[in-house]
Protein backbone atom coordinates (compact mmCIF):
# COMPACT_ATOMS: atom_id res chain seq x y z
CA MET A 1 139.91 68.27 180.30
CA PRO A 2 141.10 64.88 181.59
CA GLU A 3 144.67 64.37 182.67
CA LEU A 4 146.84 63.43 179.70
CA THR A 5 148.28 60.19 180.95
CA VAL A 6 149.79 57.58 178.69
CA GLU A 7 146.85 55.33 179.40
CA HIS A 8 144.36 58.05 178.49
CA VAL A 9 146.13 58.85 175.21
CA PHE A 10 146.27 55.18 174.21
CA ALA A 11 142.62 54.60 175.11
CA THR A 12 141.44 57.74 173.31
CA SER A 13 143.48 56.86 170.23
CA ALA A 14 142.10 53.33 170.14
CA ALA A 15 138.52 54.60 170.44
CA HIS A 16 139.10 57.21 167.75
CA TRP A 17 140.52 54.78 165.21
CA LYS A 18 137.84 52.21 165.89
CA ALA A 19 135.15 54.81 165.23
CA THR A 20 137.01 56.10 162.15
CA TRP A 21 137.43 52.73 160.47
CA GLU A 22 133.83 51.79 161.24
CA SER A 23 132.52 54.96 159.56
CA GLY A 24 132.71 56.21 156.00
CA ALA A 25 132.77 54.06 152.90
CA ALA A 26 134.24 50.59 152.51
CA LEU A 27 135.71 48.73 149.55
CA ASP A 28 136.41 45.00 149.24
CA LEU A 29 138.23 43.45 146.29
CA ALA A 30 138.41 39.91 147.70
CA GLY A 31 138.03 37.24 145.06
CA SER A 32 139.50 39.37 142.27
CA THR A 33 141.59 37.55 139.70
CA ASP A 34 143.47 40.63 138.49
CA PRO A 35 146.89 40.43 140.20
CA ARG A 36 146.83 44.18 140.82
CA ALA A 37 143.82 44.00 143.16
CA PRO A 38 145.72 43.19 146.40
CA GLU A 39 148.18 45.99 145.78
CA LEU A 40 145.35 48.44 145.04
CA GLU A 41 143.67 47.45 148.30
CA ARG A 42 146.94 47.96 150.17
CA ARG A 43 147.43 51.40 148.65
CA VAL A 44 143.85 52.41 149.37
CA VAL A 45 143.94 51.36 153.02
CA LEU A 46 147.31 52.97 153.70
CA SER A 47 146.38 56.09 151.75
CA GLN A 48 143.33 56.51 153.97
CA TRP A 49 145.57 56.24 157.03
CA ILE A 50 148.03 58.78 155.60
CA GLU A 51 145.28 61.21 154.69
CA LEU A 52 143.50 60.84 158.02
CA THR A 53 146.68 61.39 160.02
CA GLN A 54 148.25 64.08 157.83
CA GLU A 55 145.45 65.89 156.02
CA ALA A 56 142.34 66.05 158.19
CA GLY A 57 142.91 69.24 160.14
CA SER A 58 141.64 72.81 160.15
CA LEU A 59 143.74 74.06 157.22
CA PRO A 60 144.55 72.87 153.71
CA PRO A 61 147.57 70.57 154.00
CA GLN A 62 150.98 71.26 152.55
CA GLU A 63 152.35 68.87 149.94
CA THR A 64 153.73 66.42 152.48
CA GLY A 65 151.14 66.81 155.21
CA LEU A 66 152.79 66.85 158.63
CA ILE A 67 155.52 64.42 157.64
CA SER A 68 158.13 66.89 156.41
CA ASN A 69 158.55 70.49 155.34
CA SER A 70 158.18 70.92 151.59
CA TRP A 71 157.82 74.11 149.55
CA TYR A 72 158.56 76.14 152.70
CA GLY A 73 155.64 74.57 154.53
CA LYS A 74 153.05 76.43 152.48
CA PHE A 75 149.95 74.74 151.14
CA HIS A 76 149.14 74.95 147.45
CA GLY A 77 145.71 76.24 146.52
CA GLU A 78 145.62 74.43 143.20
CA MET A 79 146.34 71.07 144.87
CA ILE A 80 143.45 71.19 147.32
CA TRP A 81 141.32 69.08 144.96
CA PHE A 82 143.88 66.25 145.11
CA HIS A 83 144.43 66.52 148.84
CA LEU A 84 140.87 66.71 150.08
CA LEU A 85 138.05 66.12 147.58
CA HIS A 86 138.20 62.35 148.10
CA TYR A 87 136.71 62.75 151.59
CA PHE A 88 133.34 63.51 150.03
CA GLY A 89 133.43 60.35 147.94
CA TRP A 90 134.41 58.23 150.94
CA GLY A 91 131.57 59.50 153.09
CA ARG A 92 133.75 61.76 155.23
CA GLY A 93 132.83 65.07 153.67
CA GLU A 94 133.03 66.95 156.95
CA LEU A 95 136.81 66.50 156.90
CA ALA A 96 137.05 68.20 153.50
CA VAL A 97 134.83 71.04 154.69
CA ASN A 98 136.72 71.54 157.96
CA ALA A 99 140.03 71.87 156.10
CA THR A 100 138.81 74.32 153.44
CA LEU A 101 135.77 76.47 154.17
CA PRO A 102 137.14 78.13 157.35
CA PHE A 103 140.34 78.93 155.46
CA TRP A 104 138.50 80.42 152.49
CA LYS A 105 136.35 82.46 154.86
CA ASP A 106 139.42 83.71 156.75
CA ALA A 107 141.13 84.53 153.45
CA THR A 108 138.12 86.36 152.00
CA ASP A 109 139.00 89.95 152.88
CA ALA A 110 142.60 89.65 151.71
CA SER A 111 141.50 87.83 148.54
CA ILE A 112 138.94 90.53 147.74
CA LYS A 113 141.60 93.20 148.17
CA HIS A 114 144.01 91.16 146.07
CA ALA A 115 141.49 90.90 143.23
CA ASP A 116 140.57 94.58 143.50
CA SER A 117 144.24 95.61 143.32
CA GLN A 118 144.38 93.86 139.95
CA GLY A 119 141.13 95.42 138.72
CA TYR A 120 138.88 92.39 139.23
CA ALA A 121 135.64 91.86 141.12
CA GLY A 122 135.19 89.01 143.58
CA ALA A 123 137.92 87.18 145.47
CA ARG A 124 141.12 85.86 143.91
CA TRP A 125 142.17 82.93 146.07
CA PRO A 126 145.88 82.37 146.77
CA LYS A 127 147.96 79.76 145.01
CA MET A 128 150.55 79.26 147.72
CA THR A 129 150.41 80.66 151.21
CA GLY A 130 150.38 79.68 154.86
CA PRO A 131 148.22 80.30 157.90
CA THR A 132 149.37 83.90 158.14
CA GLU A 133 147.44 85.91 160.70
CA GLY A 134 144.86 87.97 158.85
CA MET A 135 146.17 86.71 155.50
CA LEU A 136 148.51 89.69 155.26
CA ILE A 137 150.23 88.09 152.28
CA PRO A 138 147.58 87.11 149.72
CA ASP A 139 149.98 84.89 147.79
CA GLY A 140 153.44 83.56 148.51
CA PRO A 141 156.41 84.90 146.53
CA SER A 142 156.67 82.99 143.27
CA GLY A 143 157.45 83.59 139.64
CA VAL A 144 154.61 81.27 138.68
CA GLY A 145 151.98 81.09 141.42
CA PRO A 146 150.33 84.51 140.97
CA LEU A 147 149.52 83.65 137.35
CA LEU A 148 147.95 80.23 137.90
CA VAL A 149 144.13 80.09 137.85
CA TRP A 150 143.16 76.43 138.16
CA GLU A 151 142.76 76.87 141.90
CA GLN A 152 140.03 79.45 141.44
CA PRO A 153 137.03 77.14 140.70
CA HIS A 154 137.83 74.80 143.61
CA PRO A 155 135.57 76.50 146.20
CA ILE A 156 132.58 76.10 143.88
CA ILE A 157 133.31 72.40 143.36
CA PHE A 158 133.81 71.79 147.07
CA ALA A 159 130.55 73.62 147.79
CA GLU A 160 128.78 71.37 145.28
CA MET A 161 130.14 68.22 146.90
CA ALA A 162 129.25 69.55 150.35
CA TYR A 163 125.70 70.10 149.09
CA ARG A 164 125.53 66.55 147.73
CA SER A 165 126.79 65.19 151.03
CA ALA A 166 124.12 67.20 152.83
CA ALA A 167 121.43 65.97 150.46
CA ALA A 168 122.47 62.39 151.23
CA ALA A 169 122.27 63.21 154.93
CA ASP A 170 118.78 64.71 154.53
CA ALA A 171 117.64 61.61 152.65
CA GLY A 172 119.18 59.18 155.11
CA ASP A 173 118.51 60.77 158.48
CA GLY A 174 115.67 58.32 159.00
CA ASP A 175 113.11 60.72 160.35
CA GLY A 176 111.01 60.69 157.19
CA ASP A 177 109.97 64.31 157.67
CA GLY A 178 111.30 65.50 154.32
CA ASN A 179 113.28 68.19 156.11
CA ASP A 180 116.16 69.66 154.11
CA ARG A 181 117.95 71.26 157.05
CA HIS A 182 121.37 69.86 156.03
CA THR A 183 121.26 71.26 152.49
CA GLN A 184 119.87 74.59 153.68
CA ALA A 185 122.74 74.88 156.14
CA VAL A 186 125.27 74.22 153.37
CA LEU A 187 123.65 76.81 151.09
CA ALA A 188 123.91 79.40 153.85
CA ASP A 189 127.43 78.49 154.90
CA TRP A 190 129.00 78.40 151.43
CA ASN A 191 126.94 81.05 149.67
CA ARG A 192 129.28 84.03 149.92
CA THR A 193 132.30 81.95 148.99
CA VAL A 194 130.58 80.60 145.87
CA HIS A 195 129.48 84.03 144.71
CA LEU A 196 132.82 85.72 145.29
CA THR A 197 134.58 82.90 143.46
CA ALA A 198 132.33 83.12 140.40
CA ASP A 199 132.50 86.93 140.44
CA PHE A 200 136.30 86.85 140.12
CA MET A 201 136.24 84.14 137.47
CA ALA A 202 133.77 86.14 135.40
CA ALA A 203 135.81 89.32 135.74
CA PHE A 204 138.96 87.46 134.73
CA VAL A 205 137.26 86.17 131.57
CA LEU A 206 135.56 89.45 130.71
CA GLN A 207 138.83 91.40 130.78
CA ALA A 208 139.30 90.10 127.22
CA LYS A 209 135.97 91.56 126.10
CA GLY A 210 137.58 94.63 124.60
CA PHE A 211 140.34 92.78 122.77
CA GLY A 212 138.17 92.00 119.76
CA GLY A 213 137.77 88.62 118.17
CA PRO A 214 134.87 86.18 118.08
CA CYS A 215 135.34 84.97 121.68
CA MET A 216 137.16 85.76 124.90
CA PRO A 217 140.31 83.73 125.55
CA LEU A 218 141.29 82.73 129.06
CA GLY A 219 144.56 84.61 129.39
CA PRO A 220 147.06 86.08 129.00
CA PRO A 221 148.15 86.85 131.65
CA ILE A 222 147.99 83.25 132.78
CA CYS A 223 150.25 80.30 133.45
CA GLY A 224 148.93 76.94 132.33
CA SER A 225 149.06 74.04 134.75
CA GLU A 226 151.11 71.77 132.51
CA ILE A 227 154.17 73.96 132.03
CA GLU A 228 153.73 76.58 134.74
CA CYS A 229 154.85 79.19 132.21
CA GLY A 230 158.38 77.87 131.64
CA GLU A 231 159.71 79.20 128.38
CA ASP A 232 156.56 81.17 127.58
CA PHE A 233 156.39 83.17 130.80
CA PRO A 234 154.16 86.11 129.85
CA ASP A 235 156.63 88.91 130.36
CA LYS A 236 157.37 91.76 128.01
CA THR A 237 159.99 89.74 126.12
CA THR A 238 157.53 87.04 125.05
CA PRO A 239 155.72 87.66 121.75
CA PRO A 240 151.92 87.35 121.91
CA GLU A 241 151.86 84.22 119.77
CA LEU A 242 153.83 82.36 122.45
CA GLN A 243 151.92 83.53 125.51
CA THR A 244 149.66 81.00 127.21
CA LYS A 245 146.07 81.37 126.01
CA THR A 246 142.85 79.31 126.24
CA PRO A 247 144.38 76.34 128.07
CA THR A 248 142.25 73.26 127.43
CA PHE A 249 141.98 72.27 131.09
CA GLU A 250 141.47 75.61 132.81
CA THR A 251 138.99 76.88 130.24
CA THR A 252 136.86 73.76 130.56
CA TYR A 253 137.05 73.79 134.35
CA PHE A 254 135.96 77.45 134.43
CA ARG A 255 133.01 76.71 132.15
CA TYR A 256 131.83 73.83 134.33
CA ALA A 257 132.23 75.86 137.53
CA PHE A 258 130.04 78.60 136.06
CA LYS A 259 127.32 75.97 135.48
CA VAL A 260 127.58 74.77 139.06
CA ALA A 261 127.48 78.33 140.40
CA GLN A 262 124.32 79.06 138.41
CA SER A 263 122.69 75.90 139.75
CA TRP A 264 123.62 77.15 143.23
CA ARG A 265 121.61 80.30 142.60
CA THR A 266 118.70 78.18 141.38
CA ARG A 267 118.69 76.29 144.68
CA LEU A 268 118.50 79.64 146.45
CA GLY A 269 115.56 80.70 144.31
CA LEU A 270 117.63 83.36 142.55
CA ALA A 271 117.71 84.21 138.87
CA GLU A 272 120.71 83.39 136.70
CA ASP A 273 123.61 85.78 137.17
CA ALA A 274 123.92 87.69 133.89
CA THR A 275 127.63 88.45 134.30
CA TRP A 276 128.52 84.83 134.92
CA ALA A 277 126.41 83.80 131.93
CA GLU A 278 128.11 86.33 129.68
CA ALA A 279 131.53 85.06 130.71
CA ALA A 280 130.61 81.38 130.30
CA SER A 281 128.96 81.80 126.90
CA GLY A 282 131.58 84.20 125.58
CA MET A 283 134.66 82.18 126.53
CA CYS A 284 136.67 80.70 123.70
CA THR A 285 136.16 76.95 123.47
CA PRO A 286 139.39 74.92 123.21
CA GLN A 287 139.71 73.57 119.70
CA PRO A 288 141.48 70.38 118.58
CA LYS A 289 144.50 70.91 116.37
CA GLU A 290 146.28 68.67 113.90
CA HIS A 291 148.95 66.34 115.19
CA GLY A 292 150.16 63.18 113.49
CA GLY A 293 147.29 63.30 111.04
CA ASN A 294 144.66 63.51 113.78
CA GLN A 295 142.67 66.30 115.40
CA VAL A 296 143.67 66.32 119.07
CA TYR A 297 143.70 68.66 122.05
CA TRP A 298 146.94 70.42 122.86
CA PRO A 299 147.67 71.83 126.34
CA GLU A 300 146.68 75.33 125.20
CA ALA A 301 146.16 77.38 122.06
CA ASN A 302 149.81 78.46 121.80
CA SER A 303 151.48 75.30 123.11
CA PRO A 304 154.92 74.74 121.61
CA ASN A 305 154.11 71.06 121.09
CA PHE A 306 151.48 68.40 121.74
CA THR A 307 153.28 66.90 124.74
CA ALA A 308 154.47 70.14 126.36
CA GLY A 309 155.18 70.05 130.06
CA SER A 310 155.42 67.47 132.83
CA SER A 311 151.69 66.76 132.89
CA ALA A 312 149.30 65.82 130.10
CA ALA A 313 147.09 68.70 131.17
CA GLN A 314 144.62 68.38 128.32
CA LEU A 315 143.33 65.19 129.99
CA TYR A 316 142.51 67.20 133.10
CA ALA A 317 139.74 68.86 131.11
CA VAL A 318 137.68 65.67 131.44
CA ALA A 319 138.97 64.74 134.90
CA TYR A 320 138.20 67.88 136.90
CA ALA A 321 135.13 68.58 134.74
CA PRO A 322 132.53 66.13 133.41
CA LEU A 323 131.97 65.55 129.73
CA GLY A 324 129.77 68.08 127.97
CA ASN A 325 131.60 71.34 128.69
CA GLY A 326 132.76 72.18 125.20
CA ILE A 327 135.08 69.19 124.75
CA ASN A 328 134.64 66.94 121.72
CA GLU A 329 134.64 63.44 123.21
CA ASP A 330 135.95 61.66 120.13
CA ALA A 331 138.80 64.15 119.78
CA MET A 332 139.65 63.70 123.47
CA ARG A 333 139.66 59.91 123.10
CA THR A 334 142.09 60.29 120.19
CA THR A 335 144.12 62.70 122.32
CA MET A 336 144.43 60.12 125.08
CA ALA A 337 145.42 57.41 122.61
CA MET A 338 148.16 59.57 121.11
CA LEU A 339 149.43 60.68 124.51
CA LEU A 340 149.74 57.02 125.51
CA GLU A 341 152.05 56.60 122.52
CA GLU A 342 154.07 59.81 122.79
CA PHE A 343 153.96 61.33 126.28
CA ASN A 344 156.83 60.65 128.68
CA PHE A 345 154.94 59.40 131.73
CA GLU A 346 158.23 58.83 133.56
CA ASN A 347 158.38 62.59 134.20
CA THR A 348 154.82 63.19 135.32
CA TRP A 349 153.65 63.62 138.93
CA GLY A 350 152.17 60.90 141.11
CA CYS A 351 148.78 62.59 141.40
CA ASP A 352 148.57 62.96 137.61
CA PHE A 353 148.09 59.22 137.08
CA GLN A 354 144.84 59.34 139.02
CA ALA A 355 143.60 62.38 137.07
CA TYR A 356 144.32 60.48 133.86
CA ALA A 357 142.45 57.51 135.30
CA ILE A 358 139.39 59.66 136.01
CA ALA A 359 139.58 61.07 132.49
CA ALA A 360 139.74 57.57 131.01
CA ALA A 361 136.77 56.45 133.10
CA ARG A 362 134.68 59.42 132.01
CA LEU A 363 135.58 58.64 128.39
CA GLY A 364 134.35 55.07 128.85
CA ASN A 365 137.70 53.30 128.93
CA ILE A 366 137.61 51.53 132.30
CA THR A 367 140.50 49.24 131.40
CA GLU A 368 142.78 52.19 130.70
CA ALA A 369 141.57 53.89 133.88
CA MET A 370 142.91 51.00 135.95
CA ASN A 371 146.11 50.94 133.90
CA PHE A 372 146.70 54.57 134.86
CA MET A 373 145.79 53.99 138.51
CA MET A 374 148.28 51.15 138.78
CA SER A 375 150.89 52.36 136.30
CA PRO A 376 154.21 50.63 137.00
CA VAL A 377 156.38 53.68 136.33
CA ALA A 378 158.59 54.93 139.14
CA LYS A 379 156.61 58.14 139.70
CA ASN A 380 153.59 55.99 140.64
CA ALA A 381 155.37 53.78 143.17
CA TYR A 382 154.03 53.40 146.71
CA LEU A 383 156.39 52.51 149.55
CA PRO A 384 155.66 49.78 152.13
CA ASN A 385 154.32 52.47 154.48
CA GLY A 386 151.87 53.69 151.81
CA CYS A 387 153.72 56.88 150.95
CA GLN A 388 153.89 57.79 147.27
CA ALA A 389 157.56 58.25 146.47
CA GLN A 390 157.82 61.03 143.93
CA ALA A 391 161.57 61.63 144.14
CA ASN A 392 164.52 61.11 146.47
CA TRP A 393 163.78 64.45 148.09
CA LEU A 394 160.01 63.87 148.10
CA GLN A 395 159.38 60.47 149.66
CA CYS A 396 155.79 61.06 150.77
CA TYR A 397 153.87 63.06 148.17
CA THR A 398 150.45 63.13 149.78
CA PRO A 399 148.47 64.62 146.85
CA ALA A 400 148.99 61.29 145.12
CA ASN A 401 147.44 59.42 148.06
CA GLY A 402 144.44 61.72 147.98
CA ALA A 403 144.16 61.45 144.21
CA LEU A 404 144.21 57.64 144.41
CA LEU A 405 141.34 57.77 146.90
CA ALA A 406 139.43 60.12 144.58
CA SER A 407 139.78 57.88 141.53
CA THR A 408 138.89 54.79 143.58
CA ALA A 409 135.84 56.56 145.02
CA MET A 410 134.62 57.38 141.54
CA LEU A 411 134.87 53.77 140.40
CA ALA A 412 133.21 52.57 143.60
CA GLY A 413 130.47 55.18 143.95
CA GLY A 414 129.96 56.35 140.39
CA TRP A 415 129.86 59.78 138.79
CA ASP A 416 127.43 61.93 136.86
CA GLY A 417 126.77 60.30 133.49
CA GLY A 418 128.76 57.18 134.35
CA PRO A 419 127.64 53.53 134.39
CA LYS A 420 125.00 52.83 137.03
CA ASP A 421 126.08 49.25 137.71
CA LEU A 422 129.09 48.84 140.00
CA ASN A 423 130.59 46.04 137.93
CA ASP A 424 130.48 48.18 134.79
CA ARG A 425 132.77 50.70 136.47
CA TRP A 426 135.54 48.18 137.07
CA PRO A 427 137.58 46.21 134.53
CA ASP A 428 137.44 42.47 134.09
CA GLY A 429 139.24 40.58 136.82
CA PHE A 430 138.01 42.76 139.67
CA ASN A 431 135.43 41.40 142.09
CA VAL A 432 134.09 44.47 143.89
CA ALA A 433 131.90 45.06 146.93
CA ALA A 434 131.38 48.68 147.99
CA GLU A 435 129.19 50.58 150.41
CA GLY A 436 128.85 54.11 151.72
CA PHE A 437 130.34 55.95 148.72
CA LEU A 438 128.90 59.28 147.57
CA LYS A 439 128.38 59.67 143.86
CA MET A 440 130.91 62.12 142.44
CA TYR A 441 130.15 64.87 139.94
């Protein structure tokens, strides 16, 4: 190891950043007439810097990276998508893999024991924890965290994006030999994690098999992402009709993850997993309900009202999952339109705006996608240093930076079922040049 002199540190840093900025994807909005374009470019460049300096290590990052201590320094399993998935889209997938797969592997034994203690197969991944030696604590103390489930499909989605990155590497390695060594390595490296994840998800769904009824609801016991239980915390004082059940987002995300997991088995030359198939086909499908004379999606089957919670979680169903997973597209478009009229976006979280943007893009409303991305409300403000200021006590909310990079990557690189032409993925007034982006799911 060379001597760590000031000169060596400066030279190494300069070489590192030169190599970093000359790799990965690139986006250029020069010549755009939309007045928001320069600000979007500024946010994108600074968000990359923030993510690369704060969230490109060997563990999932906490909510403020290395900048400050938030939520006791623990990272949040459900937020990993916001923090890290964008790296795949921007052609830096290895950074997403380095910060997740080793952690999930290290957490496997404790997560299997955690699931088994609750009567489930597979591995139940933690919501909030830290780099505890041996993962002695499977989940941090919380009145909410142990009942969240939207973190559970994440390993399957990350495995899928890692596979797509590897496929791009196999196609572009230039040797012309047709060798699939990159994808085969990903299949081997992620295989156990994918199977354990789907095994738990299936067991969690199938616990409702004996309850009767035409389908199996997701929960209870469950906390939905939009209200994190709140007034309907599923304890013994809450009547069944108020307990969280069949949340629109989580149910749809589970169903899509089961599809991806089955396709994983196909790549391995394995038959469809019958237990996963039973869970996916037997799950209750979220149904639109009446509101304001329209049929729209509510956060979950027993939601107290259409706009419950600090996030419009029903839109997540077509942000984290593509269209075609049990969601009626017309009803979801009406849902978005009514939320734009009624939901209090002043109270939502900075990362939510980018999820809403992805949902709007998938639904074909590119103009509204950009409106969400660049929403002028205070919770979507970005400081001169690029930090997303969520609150006075939370001046650098890094999930929002990662989410912005994810939504931008989707517009720049495309997504499954989206417009093939780059210009069709951006609203009028944007002049876009892009290279190096990986198509998102």
